[in-house]
Amino acid sequence: MKSMQAMHQKMMDAKTPDERQALMGEHMKAMQDGMAMMGQMHTSDGKGGARMSPEMMSKRMDMMEMMMQMAMDRDGMKPPATK
C-alpha cells in the first residue's frame, strides 16, 4: 500500500506530460503488484472455498479504493484526444 501511495504522489507531483509519461511504466507495475497482492489475500476454508477475515476485507477494500483513485487521477492527467 505504501509503495502505491508513493507512486501516486510521484504521478501527482509530475509537472509535465513527459514527466508523467516517464512514470507510467512504474505506475502500471505498482497497480499490477497491487492486484496480485489482492489475489493472495484469500485463505482456504478447508472446504474448497475461500474466506476472508473482516480485517483483510477492509484492507482489500482500502486497496481497491486507492487503485481506483490512482487510475482516475492518471486518466485525468492525459492530454485531451485530438481529432
Protein backbone atom coordinates (compact mmCIF):
# COMPACT_ATOMS: atom_id res chain seq x y z
CA MET A 1 0.00 0.00 0.00
CA LYS A 2 2.78 2.41 0.89
CA SER A 3 4.55 1.86 -2.43
CA MET A 4 1.29 2.54 -4.30
CA GLN A 5 0.76 5.72 -2.26
CA ALA A 6 4.32 6.85 -3.05
CA MET A 7 3.81 6.13 -6.75
CA HIS A 8 0.54 8.04 -6.73
CA GLN A 9 2.27 11.02 -5.15
CA LYS A 10 5.01 10.91 -7.80
CA MET A 11 2.37 10.98 -10.53
CA MET A 12 0.56 13.88 -8.88
CA ASP A 13 3.83 15.81 -8.45
CA ALA A 14 4.85 15.42 -12.11
CA LYS A 15 4.62 18.81 -13.76
CA THR A 16 4.74 17.96 -17.46
CA PRO A 17 3.16 15.29 -19.66
CA ASP A 18 6.67 13.99 -20.40
CA GLU A 19 7.38 13.51 -16.69
CA ARG A 20 4.07 11.70 -16.25
CA GLN A 21 4.74 9.51 -19.28
CA ALA A 22 8.16 8.59 -17.89
CA LEU A 23 6.46 7.40 -14.67
CA MET A 24 3.71 5.45 -16.45
CA GLY A 25 5.56 2.11 -16.58
CA GLU A 26 6.38 2.30 -12.89
CA HIS A 27 2.78 3.25 -12.15
CA MET A 28 1.40 0.29 -14.09
CA LYS A 29 3.82 -2.06 -12.28
CA ALA A 30 2.58 -0.76 -8.91
CA MET A 31 -1.02 -1.34 -9.99
CA GLN A 32 -0.24 -4.88 -11.19
CA ASP A 33 1.58 -5.66 -7.95
CA GLY A 34 -1.44 -4.41 -6.01
CA MET A 35 -3.77 -6.64 -7.99
CA ALA A 36 -1.52 -9.64 -7.36
CA MET A 37 -1.47 -8.85 -3.65
CA MET A 38 -5.26 -8.69 -3.55
CA GLY A 39 -5.43 -12.10 -5.17
CA GLN A 40 -3.24 -13.53 -2.42
CA MET A 41 -5.45 -12.24 0.39
CA HIS A 42 -7.82 -15.21 0.26
CA THR A 43 -7.40 -18.08 2.67
CA SER A 44 -8.84 -21.56 2.23
CA ASP A 45 -11.81 -22.51 4.38
CA GLY A 46 -10.92 -26.22 4.16
CA LYS A 47 -13.98 -26.96 2.02
CA GLY A 48 -12.57 -25.94 -1.31
CA GLY A 49 -13.77 -22.36 -0.89
CA ALA A 50 -12.12 -19.16 0.13
CA ARG A 51 -12.89 -16.86 3.01
CA MET A 52 -11.53 -13.57 4.19
CA SER A 53 -11.38 -12.12 7.68
CA PRO A 54 -13.15 -8.80 8.25
CA GLU A 55 -9.74 -7.13 8.70
CA MET A 56 -8.46 -8.48 5.38
CA MET A 57 -11.70 -7.50 3.66
CA SER A 58 -11.27 -3.95 4.96
CA LYS A 59 -7.65 -3.83 3.76
CA ARG A 60 -8.69 -5.17 0.37
CA MET A 61 -11.42 -2.55 0.05
CA ASP A 62 -8.96 0.20 1.02
CA MET A 63 -6.53 -1.05 -1.61
CA MET A 64 -9.23 -1.21 -4.27
CA GLU A 65 -10.31 2.35 -3.48
CA MET A 66 -6.71 3.56 -3.71
CA MET A 67 -6.17 1.82 -7.03
CA MET A 68 -9.38 3.26 -8.45
CA GLN A 69 -8.34 6.76 -7.35
CA MET A 70 -4.91 6.28 -8.91
CA ALA A 71 -6.48 5.20 -12.19
CA MET A 72 -8.90 8.14 -12.21
CA ASP A 73 -6.12 10.61 -11.40
CA ARG A 74 -3.92 9.11 -14.11
CA ASP A 75 -6.72 9.38 -16.67
CA GLY A 76 -7.35 12.97 -15.64
CA MET A 77 -3.73 13.83 -16.44
CA LYS A 78 -3.91 12.61 -20.04
CA PRO A 79 -3.98 15.33 -22.66
CA PRO A 80 -7.30 15.64 -24.49
CA ALA A 81 -7.66 13.50 -27.58
CA THR A 82 -7.02 15.30 -30.83
CA LYS A 83 -9.03 14.74 -33.97
